[in-house]
Amino acid sequence: MSDESNIKSRKKRKKKIKLRYVALVGLGIYIVVFFFIQAYNIYNLKNQQEELNQRIKALEAEKEILIKQYNSINSLEYIEEMARENLRMVKPNEVLYVDTTLEKEGYEQEKDEE
């Protein structure tokens, strides 16, 4: 009987050792996979951060240009320039010359496109 109980206790110990070994191996695999997933996430987040930083710089540059345009719109020089170009306004005693060849060429090109 002692041999038989000895064999049973050895089998139980082997099962416990196998279960512990399997559990440790499983835990080790889980930790390794978790580490790689986190490293991949960190890599992606750094790339996104870099892209966003570049976009911020581009938007700040665009903002500066728009601020300069806004400030220049309120200037008398800009208002005068727009009035002369778009509205064909002139100062007193000034003569406006219109180059009709450019207008005719543009008109002919429009006809050709149709």
N, C-alpha and C. Protein backbone atom coordinates (compact mmCIF):
# COMPACT_ATOMS: atom_id res chain seq x y z
N MET A 1 0.80 -1.18 0.00
CA MET A 1 0.00 0.00 0.00
C MET A 1 0.84 1.25 0.00
N SER A 2 1.90 1.21 0.64
CA SER A 2 2.74 2.40 0.69
C SER A 2 3.33 2.69 -0.67
N ASP A 3 3.65 1.66 -1.44
CA ASP A 3 4.14 1.86 -2.80
C ASP A 3 3.08 2.51 -3.68
N GLU A 4 1.89 2.01 -3.49
CA GLU A 4 0.80 2.54 -4.29
C GLU A 4 0.50 3.99 -3.93
N SER A 5 0.49 4.34 -2.69
CA SER A 5 0.24 5.72 -2.25
C SER A 5 1.42 6.60 -2.64
N ASN A 6 2.62 6.02 -2.61
CA ASN A 6 3.83 6.74 -3.05
C ASN A 6 3.72 7.11 -4.53
N ILE A 7 3.27 6.18 -5.32
CA ILE A 7 3.14 6.41 -6.76
C ILE A 7 2.08 7.48 -7.02
N LYS A 8 0.98 7.42 -6.30
CA LYS A 8 -0.08 8.40 -6.44
C LYS A 8 0.41 9.79 -6.04
N SER A 9 1.16 9.86 -4.95
CA SER A 9 1.65 11.16 -4.49
C SER A 9 2.67 11.74 -5.47
N ARG A 10 3.49 10.84 -6.08
CA ARG A 10 4.45 11.30 -7.10
C ARG A 10 3.71 11.83 -8.34
N LYS A 11 2.64 11.15 -8.74
CA LYS A 11 1.86 11.60 -9.89
C LYS A 11 1.22 12.96 -9.60
N LYS A 12 0.72 13.11 -8.36
CA LYS A 12 0.11 14.39 -7.99
C LYS A 12 1.15 15.49 -8.01
N ARG A 13 2.35 15.19 -7.52
CA ARG A 13 3.44 16.18 -7.52
C ARG A 13 3.81 16.55 -8.95
N LYS A 14 3.90 15.53 -9.83
CA LYS A 14 4.24 15.79 -11.23
C LYS A 14 3.16 16.64 -11.89
N LYS A 15 1.89 16.36 -11.56
CA LYS A 15 0.80 17.16 -12.12
C LYS A 15 0.89 18.60 -11.63
N LYS A 16 1.20 18.76 -10.33
CA LYS A 16 1.33 20.10 -9.77
C LYS A 16 2.50 20.84 -10.42
N ILE A 17 3.60 20.13 -10.61
CA ILE A 17 4.78 20.74 -11.24
C ILE A 17 4.46 21.11 -12.69
N LYS A 18 3.78 20.22 -13.41
CA LYS A 18 3.42 20.50 -14.79
C LYS A 18 2.46 21.69 -14.86
N LEU A 19 1.48 21.72 -13.96
CA LEU A 19 0.54 22.84 -13.94
C LEU A 19 1.26 24.15 -13.62
N ARG A 20 2.17 24.12 -12.66
CA ARG A 20 2.94 25.33 -12.33
C ARG A 20 3.79 25.75 -13.52
N TYR A 21 4.42 24.78 -14.16
CA TYR A 21 5.27 25.07 -15.31
C TYR A 21 4.44 25.67 -16.44
N VAL A 22 3.31 25.07 -16.72
CA VAL A 22 2.43 25.58 -17.78
C VAL A 22 1.94 26.98 -17.43
N ALA A 23 1.57 27.18 -16.16
CA ALA A 23 1.09 28.49 -15.72
C ALA A 23 2.20 29.54 -15.86
N LEU A 24 3.43 29.19 -15.46
CA LEU A 24 4.54 30.13 -15.56
C LEU A 24 4.88 30.43 -17.02
N VAL A 25 4.87 29.41 -17.86
CA VAL A 25 5.14 29.62 -19.27
C VAL A 25 4.04 30.51 -19.88
N GLY A 26 2.80 30.23 -19.54
CA GLY A 26 1.67 31.04 -20.03
C GLY A 26 1.79 32.48 -19.57
N LEU A 27 2.15 32.67 -18.30
CA LEU A 27 2.34 34.02 -17.77
C LEU A 27 3.50 34.72 -18.47
N GLY A 28 4.56 34.00 -18.71
CA GLY A 28 5.72 34.57 -19.41
C GLY A 28 5.35 35.01 -20.83
N ILE A 29 4.61 34.16 -21.53
CA ILE A 29 4.18 34.50 -22.89
C ILE A 29 3.27 35.73 -22.86
N TYR A 30 2.37 35.76 -21.90
CA TYR A 30 1.46 36.90 -21.77
C TYR A 30 2.24 38.19 -21.54
N ILE A 31 3.23 38.14 -20.67
CA ILE A 31 4.03 39.33 -20.37
C ILE A 31 4.80 39.80 -21.61
N VAL A 32 5.39 38.85 -22.33
CA VAL A 32 6.14 39.20 -23.54
C VAL A 32 5.22 39.82 -24.59
N VAL A 33 4.07 39.20 -24.83
CA VAL A 33 3.12 39.72 -25.81
C VAL A 33 2.63 41.10 -25.38
N PHE A 34 2.31 41.25 -24.11
CA PHE A 34 1.86 42.53 -23.58
C PHE A 34 2.93 43.60 -23.78
N PHE A 35 4.18 43.25 -23.54
CA PHE A 35 5.29 44.20 -23.71
C PHE A 35 5.39 44.65 -25.17
N PHE A 36 5.32 43.72 -26.10
CA PHE A 36 5.42 44.08 -27.52
C PHE A 36 4.23 44.92 -27.98
N ILE A 37 3.06 44.59 -27.49
CA ILE A 37 1.88 45.39 -27.85
C ILE A 37 2.03 46.82 -27.34
N GLN A 38 2.50 46.96 -26.12
CA GLN A 38 2.69 48.30 -25.55
C GLN A 38 3.79 49.07 -26.29
N ALA A 39 4.85 48.38 -26.66
CA ALA A 39 5.93 49.03 -27.41
C ALA A 39 5.41 49.50 -28.77
N TYR A 40 4.60 48.70 -29.42
CA TYR A 40 4.01 49.07 -30.71
C TYR A 40 3.09 50.28 -30.55
N ASN A 41 2.28 50.29 -29.49
CA ASN A 41 1.39 51.42 -29.23
C ASN A 41 2.19 52.70 -28.98
N ILE A 42 3.26 52.60 -28.22
CA ILE A 42 4.11 53.76 -27.95
C ILE A 42 4.72 54.29 -29.24
N TYR A 43 5.18 53.38 -30.11
CA TYR A 43 5.76 53.78 -31.39
C TYR A 43 4.73 54.52 -32.24
N ASN A 44 3.51 53.99 -32.30
CA ASN A 44 2.45 54.66 -33.07
C ASN A 44 2.10 56.02 -32.49
N LEU A 45 2.03 56.12 -31.19
CA LEU A 45 1.70 57.39 -30.55
C LEU A 45 2.79 58.44 -30.79
N LYS A 46 4.05 58.03 -30.79
CA LYS A 46 5.13 58.97 -31.08
C LYS A 46 5.04 59.46 -32.52
N ASN A 47 4.71 58.57 -33.46
CA ASN A 47 4.54 58.99 -34.85
C ASN A 47 3.38 59.97 -34.99
N GLN A 48 2.28 59.69 -34.31
CA GLN A 48 1.13 60.60 -34.35
C GLN A 48 1.49 61.95 -33.75
N GLN A 49 2.25 61.93 -32.66
CA GLN A 49 2.66 63.18 -32.02
C GLN A 49 3.53 64.01 -32.96
N GLU A 50 4.45 63.36 -33.66
CA GLU A 50 5.32 64.06 -34.60
C GLU A 50 4.51 64.67 -35.74
N GLU A 51 3.55 63.91 -36.27
CA GLU A 51 2.69 64.43 -37.34
C GLU A 51 1.88 65.63 -36.85
N LEU A 52 1.36 65.53 -35.64
CA LEU A 52 0.57 66.64 -35.09
C LEU A 52 1.44 67.86 -34.84
N ASN A 53 2.67 67.66 -34.39
CA ASN A 53 3.58 68.78 -34.19
C ASN A 53 3.88 69.48 -35.51
N GLN A 54 4.08 68.71 -36.58
CA GLN A 54 4.32 69.30 -37.89
C GLN A 54 3.09 70.07 -38.37
N ARG A 55 1.92 69.51 -38.12
CA ARG A 55 0.68 70.19 -38.52
C ARG A 55 0.51 71.48 -37.72
N ILE A 56 0.86 71.46 -36.45
CA ILE A 56 0.77 72.67 -35.62
C ILE A 56 1.69 73.75 -36.17
N LYS A 57 2.91 73.38 -36.54
CA LYS A 57 3.85 74.35 -37.10
C LYS A 57 3.31 74.95 -38.39
N ALA A 58 2.73 74.10 -39.25
CA ALA A 58 2.17 74.59 -40.52
C ALA A 58 1.00 75.53 -40.26
N LEU A 59 0.15 75.18 -39.30
CA LEU A 59 -1.00 76.03 -38.98
C LEU A 59 -0.56 77.35 -38.35
N GLU A 60 0.49 77.31 -37.53
CA GLU A 60 1.00 78.56 -36.95
C GLU A 60 1.57 79.47 -38.03
N ALA A 61 2.25 78.90 -39.01
CA ALA A 61 2.78 79.70 -40.13
C ALA A 61 1.63 80.29 -40.93
N GLU A 62 0.59 79.49 -41.17
CA GLU A 62 -0.58 79.99 -41.90
C GLU A 62 -1.28 81.09 -41.10
N LYS A 63 -1.32 80.92 -39.79
CA LYS A 63 -1.94 81.92 -38.92
C LYS A 63 -1.20 83.25 -39.03
N GLU A 64 0.13 83.20 -39.04
CA GLU A 64 0.93 84.42 -39.17
C GLU A 64 0.64 85.13 -40.49
N ILE A 65 0.55 84.34 -41.57
CA ILE A 65 0.24 84.92 -42.88
C ILE A 65 -1.14 85.59 -42.85
N LEU A 66 -2.10 84.91 -42.26
CA LEU A 66 -3.46 85.45 -42.20
C LEU A 66 -3.52 86.71 -41.33
N ILE A 67 -2.75 86.74 -40.26
CA ILE A 67 -2.70 87.94 -39.40
C ILE A 67 -2.12 89.11 -40.18
N LYS A 68 -1.06 88.85 -40.95
CA LYS A 68 -0.47 89.91 -41.77
C LYS A 68 -1.46 90.40 -42.81
N GLN A 69 -2.18 89.48 -43.44
CA GLN A 69 -3.19 89.88 -44.43
C GLN A 69 -4.30 90.69 -43.77
N TYR A 70 -4.73 90.26 -42.60
CA TYR A 70 -5.79 90.98 -41.88
C TYR A 70 -5.34 92.39 -41.55
N ASN A 71 -4.11 92.51 -41.08
CA ASN A 71 -3.60 93.84 -40.73
C ASN A 71 -3.45 94.71 -41.96
N SER A 72 -3.07 94.11 -43.08
CA SER A 72 -2.88 94.90 -44.29
C SER A 72 -4.23 95.30 -44.90
N ILE A 73 -5.26 94.52 -44.68
CA ILE A 73 -6.58 94.85 -45.23
C ILE A 73 -7.09 96.17 -44.66
N ASN A 74 -6.76 96.44 -43.44
CA ASN A 74 -7.22 97.67 -42.81
C ASN A 74 -6.38 98.89 -43.20
N SER A 75 -5.31 98.68 -43.93
CA SER A 75 -4.46 99.80 -44.30
C SER A 75 -5.04 100.54 -45.50
N LEU A 76 -4.79 101.82 -45.59
CA LEU A 76 -5.29 102.64 -46.69
C LEU A 76 -4.68 102.21 -48.02
N GLU A 77 -3.42 101.79 -48.01
CA GLU A 77 -2.77 101.36 -49.24
C GLU A 77 -3.48 100.16 -49.86
N TYR A 78 -3.86 99.21 -49.03
CA TYR A 78 -4.54 98.02 -49.52
C TYR A 78 -5.92 98.38 -50.07
N ILE A 79 -6.63 99.22 -49.35
CA ILE A 79 -7.97 99.63 -49.80
C ILE A 79 -7.88 100.34 -51.14
N GLU A 80 -6.89 101.22 -51.28
CA GLU A 80 -6.70 101.93 -52.54
C GLU A 80 -6.36 100.95 -53.67
N GLU A 81 -5.47 100.02 -53.40
CA GLU A 81 -5.08 99.03 -54.41
C GLU A 81 -6.28 98.21 -54.88
N MET A 82 -7.11 97.74 -53.95
CA MET A 82 -8.29 96.96 -54.31
C MET A 82 -9.29 97.79 -55.09
N ALA A 83 -9.45 99.06 -54.72
CA ALA A 83 -10.37 99.94 -55.44
C ALA A 83 -9.88 100.15 -56.87
N ARG A 84 -8.58 100.31 -57.06
CA ARG A 84 -8.03 100.53 -58.39
C ARG A 84 -8.14 99.25 -59.24
N GLU A 85 -7.80 98.10 -58.67
CA GLU A 85 -7.79 96.85 -59.44
C GLU A 85 -9.18 96.31 -59.71
N ASN A 86 -9.99 96.21 -58.70
CA ASN A 86 -11.28 95.55 -58.83
C ASN A 86 -12.39 96.49 -59.30
N LEU A 87 -12.36 97.71 -58.84
CA LEU A 87 -13.43 98.64 -59.16
C LEU A 87 -13.06 99.64 -60.25
N ARG A 88 -11.80 99.59 -60.68
CA ARG A 88 -11.26 100.49 -61.71
C ARG A 88 -11.49 101.96 -61.35
N MET A 89 -11.28 102.24 -60.10
CA MET A 89 -11.40 103.62 -59.64
C MET A 89 -10.08 104.34 -59.89
N VAL A 90 -10.16 105.65 -60.08
CA VAL A 90 -8.98 106.46 -60.32
C VAL A 90 -9.01 107.68 -59.43
N LYS A 91 -7.86 108.29 -59.25
CA LYS A 91 -7.77 109.54 -58.49
C LYS A 91 -8.20 110.68 -59.41
N PRO A 92 -8.54 111.82 -58.84
CA PRO A 92 -8.90 112.97 -59.69
C PRO A 92 -7.74 113.34 -60.61
N ASN A 93 -8.05 113.72 -61.83
CA ASN A 93 -7.09 114.12 -62.86
C ASN A 93 -6.19 112.95 -63.28
N GLU A 94 -6.63 111.73 -63.09
CA GLU A 94 -5.86 110.57 -63.49
C GLU A 94 -6.60 109.89 -64.64
N VAL A 95 -5.87 109.31 -65.56
CA VAL A 95 -6.49 108.67 -66.71
C VAL A 95 -6.29 107.16 -66.58
N LEU A 96 -7.37 106.42 -66.82
CA LEU A 96 -7.32 104.97 -66.74
C LEU A 96 -7.15 104.41 -68.14
N TYR A 97 -6.12 103.62 -68.33
CA TYR A 97 -5.88 102.96 -69.60
C TYR A 97 -6.23 101.49 -69.44
N VAL A 98 -7.00 100.97 -70.36
CA VAL A 98 -7.40 99.57 -70.33
C VAL A 98 -6.80 98.88 -71.53
N ASP A 99 -6.10 97.81 -71.30
CA ASP A 99 -5.49 97.04 -72.37
C ASP A 99 -6.53 96.07 -72.90
N THR A 100 -7.12 96.39 -74.03
CA THR A 100 -8.20 95.56 -74.57
C THR A 100 -7.70 94.30 -75.24
N THR A 101 -6.43 94.25 -75.57
CA THR A 101 -5.91 93.04 -76.21
C THR A 101 -5.97 91.86 -75.26
N LEU A 102 -5.70 92.12 -74.00
CA LEU A 102 -5.78 91.03 -73.01
C LEU A 102 -7.21 90.54 -72.86
N GLU A 103 -8.15 91.47 -72.88
CA GLU A 103 -9.54 91.07 -72.74
C GLU A 103 -10.00 90.28 -73.95
N LYS A 104 -9.58 90.70 -75.16
CA LYS A 104 -9.96 89.98 -76.37
C LYS A 104 -9.36 88.59 -76.39
N GLU A 105 -8.11 88.47 -75.97
CA GLU A 105 -7.46 87.16 -75.95
C GLU A 105 -8.19 86.23 -74.99
N GLY A 106 -8.55 86.75 -73.83
CA GLY A 106 -9.30 85.95 -72.86
C GLY A 106 -10.64 85.54 -73.40
N TYR A 107 -11.31 86.45 -74.15
CA TYR A 107 -12.60 86.15 -74.74
C TYR A 107 -12.47 85.08 -75.81
N GLU A 108 -11.41 85.18 -76.62
CA GLU A 108 -11.19 84.19 -77.69
C GLU A 108 -10.87 82.83 -77.10
N GLN A 109 -10.12 82.79 -76.01
CA GLN A 109 -9.80 81.51 -75.38
C GLN A 109 -11.05 80.86 -74.83
N GLU A 110 -11.96 81.66 -74.27
CA GLU A 110 -13.20 81.11 -73.74
C GLU A 110 -14.03 80.49 -74.86
N LYS A 111 -14.04 81.15 -76.05
CA LYS A 111 -14.79 80.62 -77.18
C LYS A 111 -14.20 79.29 -77.64
N ASP A 112 -12.85 79.23 -77.67
CA ASP A 112 -12.18 78.01 -78.11
C ASP A 112 -12.48 76.85 -77.17
N GLU A 113 -12.59 77.11 -75.90
CA GLU A 113 -12.85 76.06 -74.92
C GLU A 113 -14.23 75.49 -75.06
N GLU A 114 -15.17 76.32 -75.48
CA GLU A 114 -16.56 75.86 -75.63
C GLU A 114 -16.63 74.96 -76.80
